Amino acid sequence: MEKKKLAGKFVIQIERCENATWQGSILWTEKNVTQQFRSALELIKLVDSAVRK
């Protein structure tokens, strides 16, 4: 059986909820990169792009 490597660890900070969605920041711990997001969809896209690299 082949073991898969974990794609990444993230720290997500929700700062507020406006227009029925989240705004905040996400820290990719392995790369020490922080990015702001303005919606839950944008958060998902940031995580997806990080794990694809």
N, C-alpha and C. Protein backbone atom coordinates (compact mmCIF):
# COMPACT_ATOMS: atom_id res chain seq x y z
N MET A 1 0.84 -1.18 0.00
CA MET A 1 0.00 0.00 0.00
C MET A 1 0.89 1.24 0.00
N GLU A 2 0.55 2.19 -0.84
CA GLU A 2 1.33 3.41 -0.98
C GLU A 2 0.86 4.46 0.02
N LYS A 3 1.79 5.08 0.74
CA LYS A 3 1.45 6.13 1.68
C LYS A 3 1.45 7.47 0.95
N LYS A 4 0.46 8.28 1.25
CA LYS A 4 0.38 9.61 0.66
C LYS A 4 0.93 10.62 1.65
N LYS A 5 1.66 11.58 1.13
CA LYS A 5 2.20 12.66 1.94
C LYS A 5 1.10 13.69 2.18
N LEU A 6 1.05 14.24 3.37
CA LEU A 6 0.09 15.29 3.66
C LEU A 6 0.39 16.51 2.79
N ALA A 7 -0.65 17.12 2.28
CA ALA A 7 -0.48 18.23 1.35
C ALA A 7 -0.10 19.53 2.04
N GLY A 8 -0.53 19.73 3.25
CA GLY A 8 -0.18 20.97 3.93
C GLY A 8 -0.98 21.15 5.21
N LYS A 9 -0.45 22.02 6.04
CA LYS A 9 -1.13 22.39 7.28
C LYS A 9 -1.41 23.88 7.21
N PHE A 10 -2.63 24.23 7.60
CA PHE A 10 -3.07 25.61 7.50
C PHE A 10 -3.66 26.07 8.82
N VAL A 11 -3.48 27.34 9.12
CA VAL A 11 -4.14 27.98 10.25
C VAL A 11 -5.07 29.02 9.65
N ILE A 12 -6.36 28.85 9.91
CA ILE A 12 -7.37 29.75 9.34
C ILE A 12 -7.93 30.61 10.45
N GLN A 13 -7.91 31.92 10.23
CA GLN A 13 -8.46 32.85 11.22
C GLN A 13 -9.64 33.58 10.58
N ILE A 14 -10.83 33.34 11.12
CA ILE A 14 -12.03 34.03 10.67
C ILE A 14 -12.12 35.33 11.46
N GLU A 15 -12.06 36.45 10.76
CA GLU A 15 -12.08 37.75 11.44
C GLU A 15 -13.48 38.34 11.54
N ARG A 16 -14.30 38.07 10.52
CA ARG A 16 -15.68 38.57 10.56
C ARG A 16 -16.53 37.80 9.55
N CYS A 17 -17.82 38.00 9.66
CA CYS A 17 -18.77 37.39 8.72
C CYS A 17 -19.65 38.51 8.17
N GLU A 18 -19.52 38.77 6.89
CA GLU A 18 -20.33 39.79 6.22
C GLU A 18 -20.88 39.20 4.93
N ASN A 19 -22.06 39.65 4.54
CA ASN A 19 -22.71 39.18 3.31
C ASN A 19 -22.81 37.66 3.30
N ALA A 20 -23.10 37.06 4.46
CA ALA A 20 -23.32 35.63 4.61
C ALA A 20 -22.10 34.79 4.24
N THR A 21 -20.89 35.33 4.40
CA THR A 21 -19.67 34.56 4.16
C THR A 21 -18.56 35.06 5.07
N TRP A 22 -17.46 34.32 5.10
CA TRP A 22 -16.36 34.62 6.00
C TRP A 22 -15.32 35.50 5.34
N GLN A 23 -14.67 36.33 6.16
CA GLN A 23 -13.47 37.07 5.77
C GLN A 23 -12.42 36.81 6.85
N GLY A 24 -11.18 36.70 6.41
CA GLY A 24 -10.12 36.45 7.37
C GLY A 24 -8.79 36.20 6.70
N SER A 25 -7.96 35.39 7.34
CA SER A 25 -6.63 35.10 6.81
C SER A 25 -6.33 33.62 6.96
N ILE A 26 -5.43 33.15 6.10
CA ILE A 26 -5.00 31.76 6.13
C ILE A 26 -3.48 31.74 6.11
N LEU A 27 -2.90 30.95 7.01
CA LEU A 27 -1.45 30.79 7.10
C LEU A 27 -1.10 29.37 6.67
N TRP A 28 -0.26 29.25 5.66
CA TRP A 28 0.26 27.95 5.24
C TRP A 28 1.54 27.75 6.03
N THR A 29 1.50 26.87 7.04
CA THR A 29 2.57 26.79 8.03
C THR A 29 3.90 26.32 7.46
N GLU A 30 3.89 25.37 6.51
CA GLU A 30 5.16 24.86 5.96
C GLU A 30 5.92 25.92 5.18
N LYS A 31 5.20 26.82 4.52
CA LYS A 31 5.84 27.86 3.70
C LYS A 31 5.89 29.21 4.42
N ASN A 32 5.23 29.31 5.58
CA ASN A 32 5.13 30.55 6.34
C ASN A 32 4.58 31.68 5.46
N VAL A 33 3.50 31.37 4.73
CA VAL A 33 2.85 32.33 3.84
C VAL A 33 1.44 32.61 4.37
N THR A 34 1.11 33.89 4.49
CA THR A 34 -0.22 34.29 4.95
C THR A 34 -0.91 35.05 3.83
N GLN A 35 -2.19 34.74 3.62
CA GLN A 35 -2.98 35.45 2.63
C GLN A 35 -4.34 35.78 3.21
N GLN A 36 -4.90 36.89 2.78
CA GLN A 36 -6.24 37.30 3.19
C GLN A 36 -7.26 36.70 2.23
N PHE A 37 -8.46 36.41 2.74
CA PHE A 37 -9.55 35.97 1.87
C PHE A 37 -10.80 36.75 2.21
N ARG A 38 -11.66 36.93 1.20
CA ARG A 38 -12.87 37.73 1.36
C ARG A 38 -14.14 36.91 1.32
N SER A 39 -14.01 35.60 1.07
CA SER A 39 -15.20 34.74 1.05
C SER A 39 -14.77 33.30 1.30
N ALA A 40 -15.75 32.48 1.67
CA ALA A 40 -15.46 31.07 1.89
C ALA A 40 -14.98 30.41 0.59
N LEU A 41 -15.54 30.83 -0.53
CA LEU A 41 -15.12 30.28 -1.82
C LEU A 41 -13.66 30.64 -2.10
N GLU A 42 -13.27 31.87 -1.83
CA GLU A 42 -11.88 32.27 -2.02
C GLU A 42 -10.95 31.48 -1.10
N LEU A 43 -11.38 31.22 0.12
CA LEU A 43 -10.61 30.39 1.05
C LEU A 43 -10.39 29.00 0.47
N ILE A 44 -11.43 28.39 -0.05
CA ILE A 44 -11.31 27.06 -0.64
C ILE A 44 -10.36 27.08 -1.83
N LYS A 45 -10.43 28.11 -2.65
CA LYS A 45 -9.54 28.22 -3.81
C LYS A 45 -8.08 28.37 -3.38
N LEU A 46 -7.83 29.12 -2.31
CA LEU A 46 -6.46 29.29 -1.81
C LEU A 46 -5.90 27.96 -1.32
N VAL A 47 -6.68 27.21 -0.57
CA VAL A 47 -6.23 25.90 -0.08
C VAL A 47 -6.00 24.97 -1.26
N ASP A 48 -6.92 24.95 -2.21
CA ASP A 48 -6.79 24.08 -3.37
C ASP A 48 -5.52 24.38 -4.16
N SER A 49 -5.25 25.66 -4.40
CA SER A 49 -4.05 26.01 -5.17
C SER A 49 -2.78 25.67 -4.40
N ALA A 50 -2.81 25.77 -3.07
CA ALA A 50 -1.64 25.46 -2.26
C ALA A 50 -1.33 23.95 -2.30
N VAL A 51 -2.36 23.12 -2.20
CA VAL A 51 -2.10 21.68 -2.16
C VAL A 51 -1.78 21.11 -3.53
N ARG A 52 -2.12 21.81 -4.59
CA ARG A 52 -1.80 21.36 -5.94
C ARG A 52 -0.32 21.61 -6.30
N LYS A 53 0.33 22.51 -5.59
CA LYS A 53 1.74 22.85 -5.89
C LYS A 53 2.66 21.77 -5.41
